PDB file of N, CA and C in Angstrom:
ATOM      1  N   UNK A   1       0.825  -1.186   0.000  1.00  0.00           N
ATOM      2  CA  UNK A   1       0.000   0.000   0.000  1.00  0.00           C
ATOM      3  C   UNK A   1       0.871   1.253   0.000  1.00  0.00           C
ATOM      4  N   UNK A   2       1.900   1.240   0.811  1.00  0.00           N
ATOM      5  CA  UNK A   2       2.770   2.424   0.869  1.00  0.00           C
ATOM      6  C   UNK A   2       3.383   2.732  -0.494  1.00  0.00           C
ATOM      7  N   UNK A   3       3.787   1.694  -1.225  1.00  0.00           N
ATOM      8  CA  UNK A   3       4.364   1.909  -2.555  1.00  0.00           C
ATOM      9  C   UNK A   3       3.330   2.511  -3.501  1.00  0.00           C
ATOM     10  N   UNK A   4       2.115   2.013  -3.446  1.00  0.00           N
ATOM     11  CA  UNK A   4       1.053   2.544  -4.304  1.00  0.00           C
ATOM     12  C   UNK A   4       0.761   3.996  -3.940  1.00  0.00           C
ATOM     13  N   UNK A   5       0.668   4.290  -2.642  1.00  0.00           N
ATOM     14  CA  UNK A   5       0.433   5.664  -2.201  1.00  0.00           C
ATOM     15  C   UNK A   5       1.544   6.584  -2.697  1.00  0.00           C
ATOM     16  N   UNK A   6       2.774   6.141  -2.585  1.00  0.00           N
ATOM     17  CA  UNK A   6       3.902   6.961  -3.039  1.00  0.00           C
ATOM     18  C   UNK A   6       3.832   7.204  -4.546  1.00  0.00           C
ATOM     19  N   UNK A   7       3.496   6.165  -5.305  1.00  0.00           N
ATOM     20  CA  UNK A   7       3.383   6.295  -6.758  1.00  0.00           C
ATOM     21  C   UNK A   7       2.307   7.313  -7.124  1.00  0.00           C
ATOM     22  N   UNK A   8       1.200   7.299  -6.383  1.00  0.00           N
ATOM     23  CA  UNK A   8       0.081   8.210  -6.656  1.00  0.00           C
ATOM     24  C   UNK A   8       0.253   9.567  -5.992  1.00  0.00           C
ATOM     25  N   UNK A   9       1.371   9.719  -5.274  1.00  0.00           N
ATOM     26  CA  UNK A   9       1.660  10.952  -4.543  1.00  0.00           C
ATOM     27  C   UNK A   9       0.555  11.282  -3.522  1.00  0.00           C
ATOM     28  N   UNK A  10       0.129  10.249  -2.817  1.00  0.00           N
ATOM     29  CA  UNK A  10      -0.881  10.391  -1.771  1.00  0.00           C
ATOM     30  C   UNK A  10      -0.229  10.253  -0.404  1.00  0.00           C
ATOM     31  N   UNK A  11      -0.820  10.903   0.588  1.00  0.00           N
ATOM     32  CA  UNK A  11      -0.326  10.801   1.957  1.00  0.00           C
ATOM     33  C   UNK A  11      -1.412  10.215   2.847  1.00  0.00           C
ATOM     34  N   UNK A  12      -0.993   9.401   3.785  1.00  0.00           N
ATOM     35  CA  UNK A  12      -1.923   8.861   4.775  1.00  0.00           C
ATOM     36  C   UNK A  12      -2.094   9.891   5.882  1.00  0.00           C
ATOM     37  N   UNK A  13      -3.302  10.008   6.405  1.00  0.00           N
ATOM     38  CA  UNK A  13      -3.525  10.880   7.555  1.00  0.00           C
ATOM     39  C   UNK A  13      -2.893  10.189   8.761  1.00  0.00           C
ATOM     40  N   UNK A  14      -1.990  10.852   9.485  1.00  0.00           N
ATOM     41  CA  UNK A  14      -1.251  10.178  10.560  1.00  0.00           C
ATOM     42  C   UNK A  14      -2.132   9.701  11.723  1.00  0.00           C
ATOM     43  N   UNK A  15      -3.255  10.368  11.966  1.00  0.00           N
ATOM     44  CA  UNK A  15      -4.093   9.971  13.098  1.00  0.00           C
ATOM     45  C   UNK A  15      -5.176   8.969  12.725  1.00  0.00           C
ATOM     46  N   UNK A  16      -5.449   8.794  11.442  1.00  0.00           N
ATOM     47  CA  UNK A  16      -6.585   7.972  11.049  1.00  0.00           C
ATOM     48  C   UNK A  16      -6.203   6.735  10.248  1.00  0.00           C
ATOM     49  N   UNK A  17      -4.995   6.644   9.820  1.00  0.00           N
ATOM     50  CA  UNK A  17      -4.643   5.574   8.900  1.00  0.00           C
ATOM     51  C   UNK A  17      -3.701   4.572   9.538  1.00  0.00           C
ATOM     52  N   UNK A  18      -4.092   3.312   9.434  1.00  0.00           N
ATOM     53  CA  UNK A  18      -3.233   2.220   9.859  1.00  0.00           C
ATOM     54  C   UNK A  18      -3.325   1.151   8.786  1.00  0.00           C
ATOM     55  N   UNK A  19      -2.229   0.751   8.258  1.00  0.00           N
ATOM     56  CA  UNK A  19      -2.226  -0.306   7.268  1.00  0.00           C
ATOM     57  C   UNK A  19      -1.704  -1.565   7.943  1.00  0.00           C
ATOM     58  N   UNK A  20      -2.560  -2.557   8.004  1.00  0.00           N
ATOM     59  CA  UNK A  20      -2.211  -3.816   8.653  1.00  0.00           C
ATOM     60  C   UNK A  20      -2.775  -4.979   7.853  1.00  0.00           C
ATOM     61  N   UNK A  21      -2.755  -6.126   8.463  1.00  0.00           N
ATOM     62  CA  UNK A  21      -3.265  -7.315   7.796  1.00  0.00           C
ATOM     63  C   UNK A  21      -4.790  -7.296   7.788  1.00  0.00           C
ATOM     64  N   UNK A  22      -5.352  -7.725   6.691  1.00  0.00           N
ATOM     65  CA  UNK A  22      -6.807  -7.755   6.558  1.00  0.00           C
ATOM     66  C   UNK A  22      -7.426  -8.770   7.518  1.00  0.00           C
ATOM     67  N   UNK A  23      -6.641  -9.724   7.964  1.00  0.00           N
ATOM     68  CA  UNK A  23      -7.148 -10.750   8.886  1.00  0.00           C
ATOM     69  C   UNK A  23      -7.726 -10.135  10.154  1.00  0.00           C
ATOM     70  N   UNK A  24      -7.221  -8.982  10.544  1.00  0.00           N
ATOM     71  CA  UNK A  24      -7.715  -8.324  11.753  1.00  0.00           C
ATOM     72  C   UNK A  24      -9.012  -7.574  11.496  1.00  0.00           C
ATOM     73  N   UNK A  25      -9.333  -7.318  10.238  1.00  0.00           N
ATOM     74  CA  UNK A  25     -10.523  -6.573   9.886  1.00  0.00           C
ATOM     75  C   UNK A  25     -10.282  -5.075   9.980  1.00  0.00           C
ATOM     76  N   UNK A  26     -11.211  -4.309   9.404  1.00  0.00           N
ATOM     77  CA  UNK A  26     -11.095  -2.849   9.449  1.00  0.00           C
ATOM     78  C   UNK A  26     -12.477  -2.228   9.265  1.00  0.00           C
ATOM     79  N   UNK A  27     -12.618  -1.001   9.750  1.00  0.00           N
ATOM     80  CA  UNK A  27     -13.859  -0.241   9.606  1.00  0.00           C
ATOM     81  C   UNK A  27     -13.712   0.745   8.454  1.00  0.00           C
ATOM     82  N   UNK A  28     -14.771   0.842   7.647  1.00  0.00           N
ATOM     83  CA  UNK A  28     -14.777   1.784   6.539  1.00  0.00           C
ATOM     84  C   UNK A  28     -16.217   2.155   6.238  1.00  0.00           C
ATOM     85  N   UNK A  29     -16.513   3.449   6.230  1.00  0.00           N
ATOM     86  CA  UNK A  29     -17.835   3.984   5.915  1.00  0.00           C
ATOM     87  C   UNK A  29     -18.945   3.369   6.763  1.00  0.00           C
ATOM     88  N   UNK A  30     -18.645   3.108   8.027  1.00  0.00           N
ATOM     89  CA  UNK A  30     -19.664   2.627   8.954  1.00  0.00           C
ATOM     90  C   UNK A  30     -19.824   1.123   9.017  1.00  0.00           C
ATOM     91  N   UNK A  31     -19.084   0.408   8.202  1.00  0.00           N
ATOM     92  CA  UNK A  31     -19.158  -1.056   8.191  1.00  0.00           C
ATOM     93  C   UNK A  31     -17.829  -1.637   8.659  1.00  0.00           C
ATOM     94  N   UNK A  32     -17.875  -2.884   9.130  1.00  0.00           N
ATOM     95  CA  UNK A  32     -16.654  -3.578   9.541  1.00  0.00           C
ATOM     96  C   UNK A  32     -16.406  -4.704   8.545  1.00  0.00           C
ATOM     97  N   UNK A  33     -15.252  -4.662   7.895  1.00  0.00           N
ATOM     98  CA  UNK A  33     -14.856  -5.662   6.922  1.00  0.00           C
ATOM     99  C   UNK A  33     -13.890  -6.625   7.594  1.00  0.00           C
ATOM    100  N   UNK A  34     -14.157  -7.924   7.479  1.00  0.00           N
ATOM    101  CA  UNK A  34     -13.267  -8.928   8.054  1.00  0.00           C
ATOM    102  C   UNK A  34     -13.386 -10.215   7.242  1.00  0.00           C
ATOM    103  N   UNK A  35     -12.476 -11.157   7.475  1.00  0.00           N
ATOM    104  CA  UNK A  35     -12.585 -12.435   6.765  1.00  0.00           C
ATOM    105  C   UNK A  35     -13.906 -13.147   7.056  1.00  0.00           C
ATOM    106  N   UNK A  36     -14.520 -12.874   8.208  1.00  0.00           N
ATOM    107  CA  UNK A  36     -15.797 -13.499   8.564  1.00  0.00           C
ATOM    108  C   UNK A  36     -16.972 -12.894   7.807  1.00  0.00           C
ATOM    109  N   UNK A  37     -16.773 -11.730   7.205  1.00  0.00           N
ATOM    110  CA  UNK A  37     -17.845 -11.103   6.450  1.00  0.00           C
ATOM    111  C   UNK A  37     -17.997  -9.632   6.778  1.00  0.00           C
ATOM    112  N   UNK A  38     -19.054  -9.049   6.273  1.00  0.00           N
ATOM    113  CA  UNK A  38     -19.338  -7.632   6.427  1.00  0.00           C
ATOM    114  C   UNK A  38     -20.407  -7.441   7.492  1.00  0.00           C
ATOM    115  N   UNK A  39     -20.148  -6.541   8.436  1.00  0.00           N
ATOM    116  CA  UNK A  39     -21.106  -6.229   9.494  1.00  0.00           C
ATOM    117  C   UNK A  39     -21.106  -4.715   9.717  1.00  0.00           C
ATOM    118  N   UNK A  40     -22.034  -4.256  10.545  1.00  0.00           N
ATOM    119  CA  UNK A  40     -22.043  -2.847  10.937  1.00  0.00           C
ATOM    120  C   UNK A  40     -20.934  -2.652  11.959  1.00  0.00           C
ATOM    121  N   UNK A  41     -20.155  -1.591  11.822  1.00  0.00           N
ATOM    122  CA  UNK A  41     -19.062  -1.312  12.755  1.00  0.00           C
ATOM    123  C   UNK A  41     -19.640  -1.010  14.145  1.00  0.00           C
ATOM    124  N   UNK A  42     -18.926  -1.406  15.173  1.00  0.00           N
ATOM    125  CA  UNK A  42     -19.362  -1.194  16.551  1.00  0.00           C
ATOM    126  C   UNK A  42     -19.602   0.287  16.836  1.00  0.00           C
ATOM    127  N   UNK A  43     -18.711   1.142  16.387  1.00  0.00           N
ATOM    128  CA  UNK A  43     -18.866   2.580  16.610  1.00  0.00           C
ATOM    129  C   UNK A  43     -20.122   3.129  15.949  1.00  0.00           C
ATOM    130  N   UNK A  44     -20.449   2.613  14.777  1.00  0.00           N
ATOM    131  CA  UNK A  44     -21.645   3.037  14.067  1.00  0.00           C
ATOM    132  C   UNK A  44     -22.889   2.651  14.852  1.00  0.00           C
ATOM    133  N   UNK A  45     -22.899   1.440  15.368  1.00  0.00           N
ATOM    134  CA  UNK A  45     -24.031   0.966  16.164  1.00  0.00           C
ATOM    135  C   UNK A  45     -24.182   1.786  17.445  1.00  0.00           C
ATOM    136  N   UNK A  46     -23.077   2.103  18.092  1.00  0.00           N
ATOM    137  CA  UNK A  46     -23.127   2.899  19.319  1.00  0.00           C
ATOM    138  C   UNK A  46     -23.665   4.303  19.039  1.00  0.00           C
ATOM    139  N   UNK A  47     -23.261   4.907  17.925  1.00  0.00           N
ATOM    140  CA  UNK A  47     -23.766   6.233  17.564  1.00  0.00           C
ATOM    141  C   UNK A  47     -25.258   6.186  17.252  1.00  0.00           C
ATOM    142  N   UNK A  48     -25.708   5.108  16.607  1.00  0.00           N
ATOM    143  CA  UNK A  48     -27.130   4.944  16.315  1.00  0.00           C
ATOM    144  C   UNK A  48     -27.945   4.890  17.607  1.00  0.00           C
ATOM    145  N   UNK A  49     -27.509   4.078  18.541  1.00  0.00           N
ATOM    146  CA  UNK A  49     -28.222   3.943  19.814  1.00  0.00           C
ATOM    147  C   UNK A  49     -28.258   5.274  20.558  1.00  0.00           C
ATOM    148  N   UNK A  50     -27.130   5.981  20.609  1.00  0.00           N
ATOM    149  CA  UNK A  50     -27.075   7.266  21.314  1.00  0.00           C
ATOM    150  C   UNK A  50     -28.038   8.273  20.688  1.00  0.00           C
ATOM    151  N   UNK A  51     -28.081   8.329  19.368  1.00  0.00           N
ATOM    152  CA  UNK A  51     -28.985   9.274  18.701  1.00  0.00           C
ATOM    153  C   UNK A  51     -30.437   8.873  18.909  1.00  0.00           C
ATOM    154  N   UNK A  52     -30.734   7.582  18.855  1.00  0.00           N
ATOM    155  CA  UNK A  52     -32.102   7.115  19.078  1.00  0.00           C
ATOM    156  C   UNK A  52     -32.566   7.474  20.486  1.00  0.00           C
ATOM    157  N   UNK A  53     -31.694   7.322  21.464  1.00  0.00           N
ATOM    158  CA  UNK A  53     -32.037   7.683  22.849  1.00  0.00           C
ATOM    159  C   UNK A  53     -32.320   9.182  22.943  1.00  0.00           C
ATOM    160  N   UNK A  54     -31.467   9.996  22.311  1.00  0.00           N
ATOM    161  CA  UNK A  54     -31.688  11.452  22.341  1.00  0.00           C
ATOM    162  C   UNK A  54     -33.028  11.827  21.716  1.00  0.00           C
ATOM    163  N   UNK A  55     -33.344  11.244  20.563  1.00  0.00           N
ATOM    164  CA  UNK A  55     -34.615  11.543  19.902  1.00  0.00           C
ATOM    165  C   UNK A  55     -35.793  11.101  20.761  1.00  0.00           C
ATOM    166  N   UNK A  56     -35.668   9.938  21.388  1.00  0.00           N
ATOM    167  CA  UNK A  56     -36.737   9.446  22.263  1.00  0.00           C
ATOM    168  C   UNK A  56     -36.950  10.405  23.433  1.00  0.00           C
ATOM    169  N   UNK A  57     -35.876  10.816  24.057  1.00  0.00           N
ATOM    170  CA  UNK A  57     -35.971  11.710  25.215  1.00  0.00           C
ATOM    171  C   UNK A  57     -36.564  13.061  24.830  1.00  0.00           C
ATOM    172  N   UNK A  58     -36.220  13.566  23.652  1.00  0.00           N
ATOM    173  CA  UNK A  58     -36.721  14.864  23.206  1.00  0.00           C
ATOM    174  C   UNK A  58     -38.229  14.847  22.971  1.00  0.00           C
ATOM    175  N   UNK A  59     -38.763  13.722  22.567  1.00  0.00           N
ATOM    176  CA  UNK A  59     -40.174  13.666  22.209  1.00  0.00           C
ATOM    177  C   UNK A  59     -40.979  12.761  23.141  1.00  0.00           C
ATOM    178  N   UNK A  60     -40.390  12.401  24.267  1.00  0.00           N
ATOM    179  CA  UNK A  60     -41.080  11.546  25.236  1.00  0.00           C
ATOM    180  C   UNK A  60     -42.318  12.273  25.761  1.00  0.00           C
ATOM    181  N   UNK A  61     -43.405  11.544  25.902  1.00  0.00           N
ATOM    182  CA  UNK A  61     -44.626  12.110  26.459  1.00  0.00           C
ATOM    183  C   UNK A  61     -45.560  12.713  25.434  1.00  0.00           C
ATOM    184  N   UNK A  62     -45.133  12.820  24.197  1.00  0.00           N
ATOM    185  CA  UNK A  62     -46.028  13.344  23.162  1.00  0.00           C
ATOM    186  C   UNK A  62     -47.081  12.282  22.839  1.00  0.00           C
ATOM    187  N   UNK A  63     -48.344  12.689  22.699  1.00  0.00           N
ATOM    188  CA  UNK A  63     -49.397  11.705  22.443  1.00  0.00           C
ATOM    189  C   UNK A  63     -49.207  10.930  21.140  1.00  0.00           C
ATOM    190  N   UNK A  64     -48.615  11.562  20.144  1.00  0.00           N
ATOM    191  CA  UNK A  64     -48.435  10.873  18.850  1.00  0.00           C
ATOM    192  C   UNK A  64     -47.126  10.091  18.786  1.00  0.00           C
ATOM    193  N   UNK A  65     -46.399  10.044  19.875  1.00  0.00           N
ATOM    194  CA  UNK A  65     -45.119   9.339  19.890  1.00  0.00           C
ATOM    195  C   UNK A  65     -44.006  10.196  19.325  1.00  0.00           C
ATOM    196  N   UNK A  66     -43.028   9.562  18.728  1.00  0.00           N
ATOM    197  CA  UNK A  66     -41.867  10.271  18.212  1.00  0.00           C
ATOM    198  C   UNK A  66     -41.713  10.025  16.717  1.00  0.00           C
ATOM    199  N   UNK A  67     -42.315  10.875  15.888  1.00  0.00           N
ATOM    200  CA  UNK A  67     -42.166  10.668  14.441  1.00  0.00           C
ATOM    201  C   UNK A  67     -40.713  10.799  13.979  1.00  0.00           C
ATOM    202  N   UNK A  68     -39.940  11.662  14.612  1.00  0.00           N
ATOM    203  CA  UNK A  68     -38.530  11.819  14.224  1.00  0.00           C
ATOM    204  C   UNK A  68     -37.741  10.539  14.503  1.00  0.00           C
ATOM    205  N   UNK A  69     -38.016   9.910  15.645  1.00  0.00           N
ATOM    206  CA  UNK A  69     -37.328   8.660  15.987  1.00  0.00           C
ATOM    207  C   UNK A  69     -37.679   7.577  14.988  1.00  0.00           C
ATOM    208  N   UNK A  70     -38.968   7.448  14.672  1.00  0.00           N
ATOM    209  CA  UNK A  70     -39.387   6.430  13.705  1.00  0.00           C
ATOM    210  C   UNK A  70     -38.739   6.624  12.352  1.00  0.00           C
ATOM    211  N   UNK A  71     -38.695   7.855  11.888  1.00  0.00           N
ATOM    212  CA  UNK A  71     -38.080   8.161  10.602  1.00  0.00           C
ATOM    213  C   UNK A  71     -36.582   7.845  10.627  1.00  0.00           C
ATOM    214  N   UNK A  72     -35.926   8.224  11.725  1.00  0.00           N
ATOM    215  CA  UNK A  72     -34.490   7.963  11.855  1.00  0.00           C
ATOM    216  C   UNK A  72     -34.199   6.463  11.825  1.00  0.00           C
ATOM    217  N   UNK A  73     -34.976   5.690  12.573  1.00  0.00           N
ATOM    218  CA  UNK A  73     -34.752   4.236  12.633  1.00  0.00           C
ATOM    219  C   UNK A  73     -34.993   3.609  11.262  1.00  0.00           C
ATOM    220  N   UNK A  74     -36.081   3.984  10.584  1.00  0.00           N
ATOM    221  CA  UNK A  74     -36.368   3.409   9.263  1.00  0.00           C
ATOM    222  C   UNK A  74     -35.249   3.712   8.262  1.00  0.00           C
ATOM    223  N   UNK A  75     -34.766   4.948   8.264  1.00  0.00           N
ATOM    224  CA  UNK A  75     -33.695   5.308   7.332  1.00  0.00           C
ATOM    225  C   UNK A  75     -32.391   4.594   7.666  1.00  0.00           C
ATOM    226  N   UNK A  76     -32.093   4.480   8.953  1.00  0.00           N
ATOM    227  CA  UNK A  76     -30.859   3.818   9.356  1.00  0.00           C
ATOM    228  C   UNK A  76     -30.897   2.345   8.969  1.00  0.00           C
ATOM    229  N   UNK A  77     -32.033   1.678   9.203  1.00  0.00           N
ATOM    230  CA  UNK A  77     -32.171   0.259   8.847  1.00  0.00           C
ATOM    231  C   UNK A  77     -32.045   0.081   7.337  1.00  0.00           C
ATOM    232  N   UNK A  78     -32.633   0.986   6.573  1.00  0.00           N
ATOM    233  CA  UNK A  78     -32.520   0.911   5.112  1.00  0.00           C
ATOM    234  C   UNK A  78     -31.062   1.054   4.679  1.00  0.00           C
ATOM    235  N   UNK A  79     -30.312   1.974   5.328  1.00  0.00           N
ATOM    236  CA  UNK A  79     -28.888   2.144   5.011  1.00  0.00           C
ATOM    237  C   UNK A  79     -28.109   0.868   5.327  1.00  0.00           C
ATOM    238  N   UNK A  80     -28.374   0.287   6.498  1.00  0.00           N
ATOM    239  CA  UNK A  80     -27.676  -0.948   6.893  1.00  0.00           C
ATOM    240  C   UNK A  80     -27.966  -2.063   5.905  1.00  0.00           C
ATOM    241  N   UNK A  81     -29.246  -2.270   5.615  1.00  0.00           N
ATOM    242  CA  UNK A  81     -29.623  -3.350   4.699  1.00  0.00           C
ATOM    243  C   UNK A  81     -29.031  -3.142   3.305  1.00  0.00           C
ATOM    244  N   UNK A  82     -28.981  -1.907   2.848  1.00  0.00           N
ATOM    245  CA  UNK A  82     -28.410  -1.614   1.532  1.00  0.00           C
ATOM    246  C   UNK A  82     -26.936  -1.969   1.458  1.00  0.00           C
ATOM    247  N   UNK A  83     -26.219  -1.725   2.527  1.00  0.00           N
ATOM    248  CA  UNK A  83     -24.787  -2.020   2.545  1.00  0.00           C
ATOM    249  C   UNK A  83     -24.473  -3.481   2.748  1.00  0.00           C
ATOM    250  N   UNK A  84     -25.398  -4.199   3.385  1.00  0.00           N
ATOM    251  CA  UNK A  84     -25.152  -5.610   3.676  1.00  0.00           C
ATOM    252  C   UNK A  84     -25.780  -6.558   2.669  1.00  0.00           C
ATOM    253  N   UNK A  85     -26.401  -6.012   1.642  1.00  0.00           N
ATOM    254  CA  UNK A  85     -27.030  -6.859   0.632  1.00  0.00           C
ATOM    255  C   UNK A  85     -25.976  -7.742  -0.040  1.00  0.00           C
ATOM    256  N   UNK A  86     -26.374  -8.964  -0.307  1.00  0.00           N
ATOM    257  CA  UNK A  86     -25.463  -9.887  -0.984  1.00  0.00           C
ATOM    258  C   UNK A  86     -26.117 -10.378  -2.259  1.00  0.00           C
ATOM    259  N   UNK A  87     -25.312 -10.668  -3.230  1.00  0.00           N
ATOM    260  CA  UNK A  87     -25.821 -11.236  -4.488  1.00  0.00           C
ATOM    261  C   UNK A  87     -25.983 -12.724  -4.291  1.00  0.00           C
ATOM    262  N   UNK A  88     -27.121 -13.240  -4.745  1.00  0.00           N
ATOM    263  CA  UNK A  88     -27.366 -14.681  -4.605  1.00  0.00           C
ATOM    264  C   UNK A  88     -27.336 -15.359  -5.946  1.00  0.00           C
TER     265      UNK A  88
END
């Protein structure tokens, strides 16, 4: 990778880039890539839960519930499913 980066005159960000063996897996664009397969990254899941809790708390007690929370969950699930789709 370093040779390719040098050829393309690209630099790695020192705080965000680690080049290692794929066997350990890596996170990219919210997903975790590993030899076992593709999953949602742990950090992505934690951020989803934190935001869902905030939306719930903001609209708790409303008679119609939380339309913002429902919309957020539906969109997030659609994003997850879109990224994890496999060709059969």
